Amino acid sequence: LTYKDLLWKSRFVNIPVFSKEQIHFVSDAKSNDSIL
């Protein structure tokens, strides 16, 4: 299973943009060095 997954992922370029980011309504939402 790992072999097939690594082989598949090597066939294309993956650009991660957001990973499990919380999108919610709060008054004190703060940015950091990577996510505004």
PDB file of all heavy atoms in Angstrom:
ATOM      1  N   LEU A   1       0.830  -1.202   0.000  1.00  0.00           N
ATOM      2  CA  LEU A   1       0.000   0.000   0.000  1.00  0.00           C
ATOM      3  C   LEU A   1       0.865   1.253   0.000  1.00  0.00           C
ATOM      4  O   LEU A   1       0.584   2.224  -0.730  1.00  0.00           O
ATOM      5  CB  LEU A   1      -0.935  -0.008   1.216  1.00  0.00           C
ATOM      6  CG  LEU A   1      -2.122   0.959   1.175  1.00  0.00           C
ATOM      7  CD1 LEU A   1      -3.010   0.681  -0.025  1.00  0.00           C
ATOM      8  CD2 LEU A   1      -2.923   0.881   2.470  1.00  0.00           C
ATOM      9  N   THR A   2       1.930   1.243   0.796  1.00  0.00           N
ATOM     10  CA  THR A   2       2.852   2.382   0.820  1.00  0.00           C
ATOM     11  C   THR A   2       3.549   2.532  -0.523  1.00  0.00           C
ATOM     12  O   THR A   2       3.718   3.648  -1.032  1.00  0.00           O
ATOM     13  CB  THR A   2       3.896   2.193   1.931  1.00  0.00           C
ATOM     14  OG1 THR A   2       3.217   2.104   3.197  1.00  0.00           O
ATOM     15  CG2 THR A   2       4.881   3.349   1.972  1.00  0.00           C
ATOM     16  N   TYR A   3       3.937   1.424  -1.126  1.00  0.00           N
ATOM     17  CA  TYR A   3       4.583   1.442  -2.445  1.00  0.00           C
ATOM     18  C   TYR A   3       3.681   2.127  -3.474  1.00  0.00           C
ATOM     19  O   TYR A   3       4.117   3.030  -4.202  1.00  0.00           O
ATOM     20  CB  TYR A   3       4.903   0.019  -2.875  1.00  0.00           C
ATOM     21  CG  TYR A   3       5.440  -0.108  -4.285  1.00  0.00           C
ATOM     22  CD1 TYR A   3       6.805  -0.037  -4.529  1.00  0.00           C
ATOM     23  CD2 TYR A   3       4.578  -0.312  -5.362  1.00  0.00           C
ATOM     24  CE1 TYR A   3       7.301  -0.159  -5.820  1.00  0.00           C
ATOM     25  CE2 TYR A   3       5.061  -0.434  -6.653  1.00  0.00           C
ATOM     26  CZ  TYR A   3       6.426  -0.353  -6.876  1.00  0.00           C
ATOM     27  OH  TYR A   3       6.900  -0.461  -8.165  1.00  0.00           O
ATOM     28  N   LYS A   4       2.422   1.707  -3.525  1.00  0.00           N
ATOM     29  CA  LYS A   4       1.494   2.279  -4.501  1.00  0.00           C
ATOM     30  C   LYS A   4       1.274   3.767  -4.245  1.00  0.00           C
ATOM     31  O   LYS A   4       1.177   4.565  -5.180  1.00  0.00           O
ATOM     32  CB  LYS A   4       0.170   1.526  -4.454  1.00  0.00           C
ATOM     33  CG  LYS A   4       0.245   0.101  -4.981  1.00  0.00           C
ATOM     34  CD  LYS A   4      -1.093  -0.611  -4.836  1.00  0.00           C
ATOM     35  CE  LYS A   4      -0.999  -2.060  -5.321  1.00  0.00           C
ATOM     36  NZ  LYS A   4      -2.276  -2.783  -5.146  1.00  0.00           N
ATOM     37  N   ASP A   5       1.205   4.142  -2.968  1.00  0.00           N
ATOM     38  CA  ASP A   5       0.981   5.540  -2.622  1.00  0.00           C
ATOM     39  C   ASP A   5       2.180   6.397  -3.007  1.00  0.00           C
ATOM     40  O   ASP A   5       2.020   7.471  -3.605  1.00  0.00           O
ATOM     41  CB  ASP A   5       0.698   5.655  -1.122  1.00  0.00           C
ATOM     42  CG  ASP A   5       0.355   7.076  -0.698  1.00  0.00           C
ATOM     43  OD1 ASP A   5      -0.679   7.587  -1.173  1.00  0.00           O
ATOM     44  OD2 ASP A   5       1.114   7.679   0.083  1.00  0.00           O
ATOM     45  N   LEU A   6       3.389   5.934  -2.686  1.00  0.00           N
ATOM     46  CA  LEU A   6       4.587   6.698  -3.028  1.00  0.00           C
ATOM     47  C   LEU A   6       4.769   6.800  -4.538  1.00  0.00           C
ATOM     48  O   LEU A   6       5.169   7.847  -5.066  1.00  0.00           O
ATOM     49  CB  LEU A   6       5.815   6.051  -2.394  1.00  0.00           C
ATOM     50  CG  LEU A   6       5.914   6.137  -0.866  1.00  0.00           C
ATOM     51  CD1 LEU A   6       7.087   5.289  -0.364  1.00  0.00           C
ATOM     52  CD2 LEU A   6       6.074   7.583  -0.415  1.00  0.00           C
ATOM     53  N   LEU A   7       4.458   5.723  -5.245  1.00  0.00           N
ATOM     54  CA  LEU A   7       4.579   5.732  -6.702  1.00  0.00           C
ATOM     55  C   LEU A   7       3.584   6.717  -7.316  1.00  0.00           C
ATOM     56  O   LEU A   7       3.930   7.511  -8.197  1.00  0.00           O
ATOM     57  CB  LEU A   7       4.344   4.327  -7.251  1.00  0.00           C
ATOM     58  CG  LEU A   7       4.506   4.147  -8.763  1.00  0.00           C
ATOM     59  CD1 LEU A   7       5.944   4.406  -9.188  1.00  0.00           C
ATOM     60  CD2 LEU A   7       4.057   2.758  -9.192  1.00  0.00           C
ATOM     61  N   TRP A   8       2.345   6.683  -6.813  1.00  0.00           N
ATOM     62  CA  TRP A   8       1.306   7.593  -7.316  1.00  0.00           C
ATOM     63  C   TRP A   8       1.694   9.046  -7.068  1.00  0.00           C
ATOM     64  O   TRP A   8       1.617   9.891  -7.965  1.00  0.00           O
ATOM     65  CB  TRP A   8      -0.021   7.252  -6.647  1.00  0.00           C
ATOM     66  CG  TRP A   8      -1.105   8.248  -6.909  1.00  0.00           C
ATOM     67  CD1 TRP A   8      -1.701   8.527  -8.103  1.00  0.00           C
ATOM     68  CD2 TRP A   8      -1.717   9.131  -5.954  1.00  0.00           C
ATOM     69  NE1 TRP A   8      -2.655   9.509  -7.957  1.00  0.00           N
ATOM     70  CE2 TRP A   8      -2.679   9.891  -6.643  1.00  0.00           C
ATOM     71  CE3 TRP A   8      -1.548   9.316  -4.589  1.00  0.00           C
ATOM     72  CZ2 TRP A   8      -3.467  10.840  -6.004  1.00  0.00           C
ATOM     73  CZ3 TRP A   8      -2.336  10.273  -3.948  1.00  0.00           C
ATOM     74  CH2 TRP A   8      -3.277  11.018  -4.658  1.00  0.00           C
ATOM     75  N   LYS A   9       2.139   9.349  -5.857  1.00  0.00           N
ATOM     76  CA  LYS A   9       2.467  10.735  -5.517  1.00  0.00           C
ATOM     77  C   LYS A   9       3.668  11.247  -6.304  1.00  0.00           C
ATOM     78  O   LYS A   9       3.806  12.463  -6.502  1.00  0.00           O
ATOM     79  CB  LYS A   9       2.730  10.853  -4.019  1.00  0.00           C
ATOM     80  CG  LYS A   9       1.459  10.744  -3.181  1.00  0.00           C
ATOM     81  CD  LYS A   9       1.751  10.820  -1.697  1.00  0.00           C
ATOM     82  CE  LYS A   9       0.461  10.751  -0.893  1.00  0.00           C
ATOM     83  NZ  LYS A   9       0.713  10.734   0.581  1.00  0.00           N
ATOM     84  N   SER A  10       4.523  10.356  -6.745  1.00  0.00           N
ATOM     85  CA  SER A  10       5.695  10.790  -7.502  1.00  0.00           C
ATOM     86  C   SER A  10       5.362  11.172  -8.938  1.00  0.00           C
ATOM     87  O   SER A  10       6.199  11.723  -9.650  1.00  0.00           O
ATOM     88  CB  SER A  10       6.751   9.682  -7.508  1.00  0.00           C
ATOM     89  OG  SER A  10       6.377   8.614  -8.365  1.00  0.00           O
ATOM     90  N   ARG A  11       4.141  10.897  -9.362  1.00  0.00           N
ATOM     91  CA  ARG A  11       3.757  11.144 -10.753  1.00  0.00           C
ATOM     92  C   ARG A  11       3.279  12.582 -10.986  1.00  0.00           C
ATOM     93  O   ARG A  11       3.023  12.978 -12.123  1.00  0.00           O
ATOM     94  CB  ARG A  11       2.661  10.172 -11.183  1.00  0.00           C
ATOM     95  CG  ARG A  11       3.113   8.714 -11.186  1.00  0.00           C
ATOM     96  CD  ARG A  11       2.025   7.788 -11.698  1.00  0.00           C
ATOM     97  NE  ARG A  11       2.420   6.394 -11.615  1.00  0.00           N
ATOM     98  CZ  ARG A  11       3.193   5.757 -12.488  1.00  0.00           C
ATOM     99  NH1 ARG A  11       3.651   6.417 -13.535  1.00  0.00           N
ATOM    100  NH2 ARG A  11       3.509   4.487 -12.327  1.00  0.00           N
ATOM    101  N   PHE A  12       3.119  13.362  -9.923  1.00  0.00           N
ATOM    102  CA  PHE A  12       2.625  14.727 -10.088  1.00  0.00           C
ATOM    103  C   PHE A  12       3.231  15.620  -9.018  1.00  0.00           C
ATOM    104  O   PHE A  12       3.846  15.154  -8.054  1.00  0.00           O
ATOM    105  CB  PHE A  12       1.097  14.765 -10.023  1.00  0.00           C
ATOM    106  CG  PHE A  12       0.511  14.231  -8.740  1.00  0.00           C
ATOM    107  CD1 PHE A  12       0.282  15.055  -7.653  1.00  0.00           C
ATOM    108  CD2 PHE A  12       0.189  12.888  -8.626  1.00  0.00           C
ATOM    109  CE1 PHE A  12      -0.248  14.555  -6.472  1.00  0.00           C
ATOM    110  CE2 PHE A  12      -0.346  12.376  -7.452  1.00  0.00           C
ATOM    111  CZ  PHE A  12      -0.559  13.222  -6.369  1.00  0.00           C
ATOM    112  N   VAL A  13       3.062  16.922  -9.189  1.00  0.00           N
ATOM    113  CA  VAL A  13       3.541  17.908  -8.215  1.00  0.00           C
ATOM    114  C   VAL A  13       2.368  18.279  -7.315  1.00  0.00           C
ATOM    115  O   VAL A  13       1.297  18.645  -7.798  1.00  0.00           O
ATOM    116  CB  VAL A  13       4.081  19.164  -8.921  1.00  0.00           C
ATOM    117  CG1 VAL A  13       4.466  20.227  -7.901  1.00  0.00           C
ATOM    118  CG2 VAL A  13       5.276  18.808  -9.796  1.00  0.00           C
ATOM    119  N   ASN A  14       2.568  18.173  -6.014  1.00  0.00           N
ATOM    120  CA  ASN A  14       1.536  18.547  -5.060  1.00  0.00           C
ATOM    121  C   ASN A  14       1.981  19.802  -4.309  1.00  0.00           C
ATOM    122  O   ASN A  14       3.078  19.855  -3.758  1.00  0.00           O
ATOM    123  CB  ASN A  14       1.272  17.418  -4.059  1.00  0.00           C
ATOM    124  CG  ASN A  14       0.200  17.802  -3.062  1.00  0.00           C
ATOM    125  OD1 ASN A  14      -0.940  18.039  -3.421  1.00  0.00           O
ATOM    126  ND2 ASN A  14       0.562  17.885  -1.791  1.00  0.00           N
ATOM    127  N   ILE A  15       1.140  20.820  -4.321  1.00  0.00           N
ATOM    128  CA  ILE A  15       1.436  22.069  -3.623  1.00  0.00           C
ATOM    129  C   ILE A  15       0.440  22.223  -2.484  1.00  0.00           C
ATOM    130  O   ILE A  15      -0.730  22.547  -2.699  1.00  0.00           O
ATOM    131  CB  ILE A  15       1.348  23.274  -4.582  1.00  0.00           C
ATOM    132  CG1 ILE A  15       2.354  23.102  -5.724  1.00  0.00           C
ATOM    133  CG2 ILE A  15       1.610  24.574  -3.825  1.00  0.00           C
ATOM    134  CD1 ILE A  15       2.258  24.161  -6.788  1.00  0.00           C
ATOM    135  N   PRO A  16       0.877  21.958  -1.248  1.00  0.00           N
ATOM    136  CA  PRO A  16      -0.035  22.141  -0.115  1.00  0.00           C
ATOM    137  C   PRO A  16      -0.219  23.622   0.181  1.00  0.00           C
ATOM    138  O   PRO A  16       0.758  24.372   0.283  1.00  0.00           O
ATOM    139  CB  PRO A  16       0.680  21.414   1.034  1.00  0.00           C
ATOM    140  CG  PRO A  16       2.120  21.398   0.647  1.00  0.00           C
ATOM    141  CD  PRO A  16       2.185  21.435  -0.850  1.00  0.00           C
ATOM    142  N   VAL A  17      -1.465  24.048   0.280  1.00  0.00           N
ATOM    143  CA  VAL A  17      -1.771  25.459   0.549  1.00  0.00           C
ATOM    144  C   VAL A  17      -2.265  25.623   1.984  1.00  0.00           C
ATOM    145  O   VAL A  17      -1.712  26.394   2.762  1.00  0.00           O
ATOM    146  CB  VAL A  17      -2.805  25.997  -0.455  1.00  0.00           C
ATOM    147  CG1 VAL A  17      -3.060  27.488  -0.209  1.00  0.00           C
ATOM    148  CG2 VAL A  17      -2.324  25.779  -1.888  1.00  0.00           C
ATOM    149  N   PHE A  18      -3.319  24.892   2.348  1.00  0.00           N
ATOM    150  CA  PHE A  18      -3.844  24.916   3.712  1.00  0.00           C
ATOM    151  C   PHE A  18      -3.995  23.484   4.208  1.00  0.00           C
ATOM    152  O   PHE A  18      -4.368  22.593   3.441  1.00  0.00           O
ATOM    153  CB  PHE A  18      -5.204  25.619   3.773  1.00  0.00           C
ATOM    154  CG  PHE A  18      -5.209  27.029   3.251  1.00  0.00           C
ATOM    155  CD1 PHE A  18      -5.982  27.368   2.144  1.00  0.00           C
ATOM    156  CD2 PHE A  18      -4.433  28.004   3.846  1.00  0.00           C
ATOM    157  CE1 PHE A  18      -5.992  28.661   1.652  1.00  0.00           C
ATOM    158  CE2 PHE A  18      -4.426  29.307   3.352  1.00  0.00           C
ATOM    159  CZ  PHE A  18      -5.206  29.634   2.261  1.00  0.00           C
ATOM    160  N   SER A  19      -3.729  23.259   5.486  1.00  0.00           N
ATOM    161  CA  SER A  19      -3.872  21.932   6.074  1.00  0.00           C
ATOM    162  C   SER A  19      -4.705  22.024   7.351  1.00  0.00           C
ATOM    163  O   SER A  19      -4.239  22.540   8.380  1.00  0.00           O
ATOM    164  CB  SER A  19      -2.498  21.328   6.389  1.00  0.00           C
ATOM    165  OG  SER A  19      -2.639  20.060   7.003  1.00  0.00           O
ATOM    166  N   LYS A  20      -5.952  21.561   7.261  1.00  0.00           N
ATOM    167  CA  LYS A  20      -6.879  21.519   8.394  1.00  0.00           C
ATOM    168  C   LYS A  20      -6.938  22.854   9.129  1.00  0.00           C
ATOM    169  O   LYS A  20      -6.934  22.919  10.353  1.00  0.00           O
ATOM    170  CB  LYS A  20      -6.498  20.393   9.352  1.00  0.00           C
ATOM    171  CG  LYS A  20      -6.608  19.002   8.735  1.00  0.00           C
ATOM    172  CD  LYS A  20      -6.268  17.910   9.718  1.00  0.00           C
ATOM    173  CE  LYS A  20      -6.414  16.536   9.069  1.00  0.00           C
ATOM    174  NZ  LYS A  20      -6.055  15.430   9.991  1.00  0.00           N
ATOM    175  N   GLU A  21      -6.997  23.932   8.340  1.00  0.00           N
ATOM    176  CA  GLU A  21      -7.087  25.266   8.929  1.00  0.00           C
ATOM    177  C   GLU A  21      -8.519  25.548   9.389  1.00  0.00           C
ATOM    178  O   GLU A  21      -9.478  25.201   8.698  1.00  0.00           O
ATOM    179  CB  GLU A  21      -6.650  26.332   7.924  1.00  0.00           C
ATOM    180  CG  GLU A  21      -5.176  26.309   7.586  1.00  0.00           C
ATOM    181  CD  GLU A  21      -4.284  26.668   8.770  1.00  0.00           C
ATOM    182  OE1 GLU A  21      -4.756  27.408   9.673  1.00  0.00           O
ATOM    183  OE2 GLU A  21      -3.130  26.214   8.788  1.00  0.00           O
ATOM    184  N   GLN A  22      -8.636  26.172  10.540  1.00  0.00           N
ATOM    185  CA  GLN A  22      -9.955  26.520  11.062  1.00  0.00           C
ATOM    186  C   GLN A  22     -10.424  27.820  10.430  1.00  0.00           C
ATOM    187  O   GLN A  22      -9.708  28.824  10.424  1.00  0.00           O
ATOM    188  CB  GLN A  22      -9.913  26.659  12.584  1.00  0.00           C
ATOM    189  CG  GLN A  22     -11.287  26.745  13.228  1.00  0.00           C
ATOM    190  CD  GLN A  22     -11.222  26.648  14.748  1.00  0.00           C
ATOM    191  OE1 GLN A  22     -10.143  26.609  15.327  1.00  0.00           O
ATOM    192  NE2 GLN A  22     -12.369  26.604  15.394  1.00  0.00           N
ATOM    193  N   ILE A  23     -11.619  27.781   9.866  1.00  0.00           N
ATOM    194  CA  ILE A  23     -12.239  28.967   9.278  1.00  0.00           C
ATOM    195  C   ILE A  23     -13.506  29.206  10.084  1.00  0.00           C
ATOM    196  O   ILE A  23     -14.498  28.481   9.955  1.00  0.00           O
ATOM    197  CB  ILE A  23     -12.545  28.760   7.788  1.00  0.00           C
ATOM    198  CG1 ILE A  23     -11.252  28.441   7.024  1.00  0.00           C
ATOM    199  CG2 ILE A  23     -13.215  29.989   7.197  1.00  0.00           C
ATOM    200  CD1 ILE A  23     -11.447  28.166   5.542  1.00  0.00           C
ATOM    201  N   HIS A  24     -13.459  30.221  10.939  1.00  0.00           N
ATOM    202  CA  HIS A  24     -14.534  30.416  11.916  1.00  0.00           C
ATOM    203  C   HIS A  24     -14.718  31.897  12.186  1.00  0.00           C
ATOM    204  O   HIS A  24     -13.983  32.741  11.664  1.00  0.00           O
ATOM    205  CB  HIS A  24     -14.220  29.647  13.202  1.00  0.00           C
ATOM    206  CG  HIS A  24     -12.906  30.030  13.841  1.00  0.00           C
ATOM    207  ND1 HIS A  24     -12.667  29.925  15.190  1.00  0.00           N
ATOM    208  CD2 HIS A  24     -11.743  30.530  13.321  1.00  0.00           C
ATOM    209  CE1 HIS A  24     -11.441  30.320  15.473  1.00  0.00           C
ATOM    210  NE2 HIS A  24     -10.862  30.688  14.349  1.00  0.00           N
ATOM    211  N   PHE A  25     -15.688  32.215  13.033  1.00  0.00           N
ATOM    212  CA  PHE A  25     -16.024  33.611  13.325  1.00  0.00           C
ATOM    213  C   PHE A  25     -15.633  33.918  14.765  1.00  0.00           C
ATOM    214  O   PHE A  25     -16.298  33.503  15.710  1.00  0.00           O
ATOM    215  CB  PHE A  25     -17.515  33.851  13.108  1.00  0.00           C
ATOM    216  CG  PHE A  25     -17.920  35.288  13.283  1.00  0.00           C
ATOM    217  CD1 PHE A  25     -17.637  36.218  12.298  1.00  0.00           C
ATOM    218  CD2 PHE A  25     -18.570  35.710  14.428  1.00  0.00           C
ATOM    219  CE1 PHE A  25     -18.002  37.546  12.448  1.00  0.00           C
ATOM    220  CE2 PHE A  25     -18.948  37.044  14.594  1.00  0.00           C
ATOM    221  CZ  PHE A  25     -18.654  37.963  13.596  1.00  0.00           C
ATOM    222  N   VAL A  26     -14.510  34.621  14.919  1.00  0.00           N
ATOM    223  CA  VAL A  26     -14.036  35.037  16.241  1.00  0.00           C
ATOM    224  C   VAL A  26     -13.472  36.450  16.117  1.00  0.00           C
ATOM    225  O   VAL A  26     -12.932  36.823  15.072  1.00  0.00           O
ATOM    226  CB  VAL A  26     -12.946  34.089  16.791  1.00  0.00           C
ATOM    227  CG1 VAL A  26     -13.532  32.745  17.188  1.00  0.00           C
ATOM    228  CG2 VAL A  26     -11.820  33.890  15.791  1.00  0.00           C
ATOM    229  N   SER A  27     -13.574  37.211  17.175  1.00  0.00           N
ATOM    230  CA  SER A  27     -13.150  38.611  17.105  1.00  0.00           C
ATOM    231  C   SER A  27     -11.639  38.767  17.104  1.00  0.00           C
ATOM    232  O   SER A  27     -11.112  39.779  16.631  1.00  0.00           O
ATOM    233  CB  SER A  27     -13.740  39.382  18.291  1.00  0.00           C
ATOM    234  OG  SER A  27     -13.306  38.806  19.518  1.00  0.00           O
ATOM    235  N   ASP A  28     -10.929  37.767  17.622  1.00  0.00           N
ATOM    236  CA  ASP A  28      -9.482  37.908  17.777  1.00  0.00           C
ATOM    237  C   ASP A  28      -8.689  36.981  16.855  1.00  0.00           C
ATOM    238  O   ASP A  28      -7.628  36.477  17.233  1.00  0.00           O
ATOM    239  CB  ASP A  28      -9.083  37.658  19.234  1.00  0.00           C
ATOM    240  CG  ASP A  28      -9.473  36.262  19.714  1.00  0.00           C
ATOM    241  OD1 ASP A  28     -10.282  35.621  19.023  1.00  0.00           O
ATOM    242  OD2 ASP A  28      -8.972  35.825  20.767  1.00  0.00           O
ATOM    243  N   ALA A  29      -9.204  36.723  15.643  1.00  0.00           N
ATOM    244  CA  ALA A  29      -8.479  35.867  14.699  1.00  0.00           C
ATOM    245  C   ALA A  29      -7.127  36.483  14.373  1.00  0.00           C
ATOM    246  O   ALA A  29      -7.041  37.653  14.000  1.00  0.00           O
ATOM    247  CB  ALA A  29      -9.300  35.693  13.426  1.00  0.00           C
ATOM    248  N   LYS A  30      -6.067  35.700  14.543  1.00  0.00           N
ATOM    249  CA  LYS A  30      -4.716  36.232  14.385  1.00  0.00           C
ATOM    250  C   LYS A  30      -3.991  35.564  13.219  1.00  0.00           C
ATOM    251  O   LYS A  30      -4.088  34.360  13.025  1.00  0.00           O
ATOM    252  CB  LYS A  30      -3.915  36.039  15.671  1.00  0.00           C
ATOM    253  CG  LYS A  30      -4.415  36.898  16.835  1.00  0.00           C
ATOM    254  CD  LYS A  30      -3.576  36.676  18.080  1.00  0.00           C
ATOM    255  CE  LYS A  30      -3.988  37.628  19.201  1.00  0.00           C
ATOM    256  NZ  LYS A  30      -5.384  37.453  19.605  1.00  0.00           N
ATOM    257  N   SER A  31      -3.235  36.364  12.490  1.00  0.00           N
ATOM    258  CA  SER A  31      -2.387  35.854  11.417  1.00  0.00           C
ATOM    259  C   SER A  31      -1.075  35.353  12.006  1.00  0.00           C
ATOM    260  O   SER A  31      -0.728  35.653  13.151  1.00  0.00           O
ATOM    261  CB  SER A  31      -2.103  36.948  10.391  1.00  0.00           C
ATOM    262  OG  SER A  31      -3.297  37.459   9.838  1.00  0.00           O
ATOM    263  N   ASN A  32      -0.345  34.564  11.207  1.00  0.00           N
ATOM    264  CA  ASN A  32       1.015  34.180  11.583  1.00  0.00           C
ATOM    265  C   ASN A  32       1.923  34.361  10.377  1.00  0.00           C
ATOM    266  O   ASN A  32       1.541  35.000   9.398  1.00  0.00           O
ATOM    267  CB  ASN A  32       1.051  32.752  12.147  1.00  0.00           C
ATOM    268  CG  ASN A  32       0.478  31.727  11.173  1.00  0.00           C
ATOM    269  OD1 ASN A  32       0.677  31.831   9.959  1.00  0.00           O
ATOM    270  ND2 ASN A  32      -0.222  30.736  11.693  1.00  0.00           N
ATOM    271  N   ASP A  33       3.115  33.786  10.436  1.00  0.00           N
ATOM    272  CA  ASP A  33       4.085  34.018   9.363  1.00  0.00           C
ATOM    273  C   ASP A  33       3.655  33.449   8.022  1.00  0.00           C
ATOM    274  O   ASP A  33       4.135  33.881   6.974  1.00  0.00           O
ATOM    275  CB  ASP A  33       5.442  33.412   9.747  1.00  0.00           C
ATOM    276  CG  ASP A  33       6.101  34.182  10.877  1.00  0.00           C
ATOM    277  OD1 ASP A  33       5.723  35.339  11.084  1.00  0.00           O
ATOM    278  OD2 ASP A  33       6.977  33.611  11.555  1.00  0.00           O
ATOM    279  N   SER A  34       2.752  32.451   8.030  1.00  0.00           N
ATOM    280  CA  SER A  34       2.373  31.821   6.762  1.00  0.00           C
ATOM    281  C   SER A  34       0.910  32.013   6.403  1.00  0.00           C
ATOM    282  O   SER A  34       0.572  32.123   5.228  1.00  0.00           O
ATOM    283  CB  SER A  34       2.690  30.319   6.802  1.00  0.00           C
ATOM    284  OG  SER A  34       1.944  29.678   7.806  1.00  0.00           O
ATOM    285  N   ILE A  35       0.014  32.060   7.395  1.00  0.00           N
ATOM    286  CA  ILE A  35      -1.420  32.172   7.134  1.00  0.00           C
ATOM    287  C   ILE A  35      -1.924  33.527   7.589  1.00  0.00           C
ATOM    288  O   ILE A  35      -1.801  33.890   8.767  1.00  0.00           O
ATOM    289  CB  ILE A  35      -2.222  31.062   7.861  1.00  0.00           C
ATOM    290  CG1 ILE A  35      -1.658  29.677   7.535  1.00  0.00           C
ATOM    291  CG2 ILE A  35      -3.705  31.156   7.483  1.00  0.00           C
ATOM    292  CD1 ILE A  35      -1.806  29.242   6.114  1.00  0.00           C
ATOM    293  N   LEU A  36      -2.493  34.295   6.669  1.00  0.00           N
ATOM    294  CA  LEU A  36      -3.125  35.573   6.994  1.00  0.00           C
ATOM    295  C   LEU A  36      -4.611  35.332   7.221  1.00  0.00           C
ATOM    296  O   LEU A  36      -5.261  34.623   6.454  1.00  0.00           O
ATOM    297  CB  LEU A  36      -2.919  36.571   5.856  1.00  0.00           C
ATOM    298  CG  LEU A  36      -1.466  36.851   5.443  1.00  0.00           C
ATOM    299  CD1 LEU A  36      -1.428  37.768   4.227  1.00  0.00           C
ATOM    300  CD2 LEU A  36      -0.677  37.448   6.597  1.00  0.00           C
TER     301      LEU A  36
END
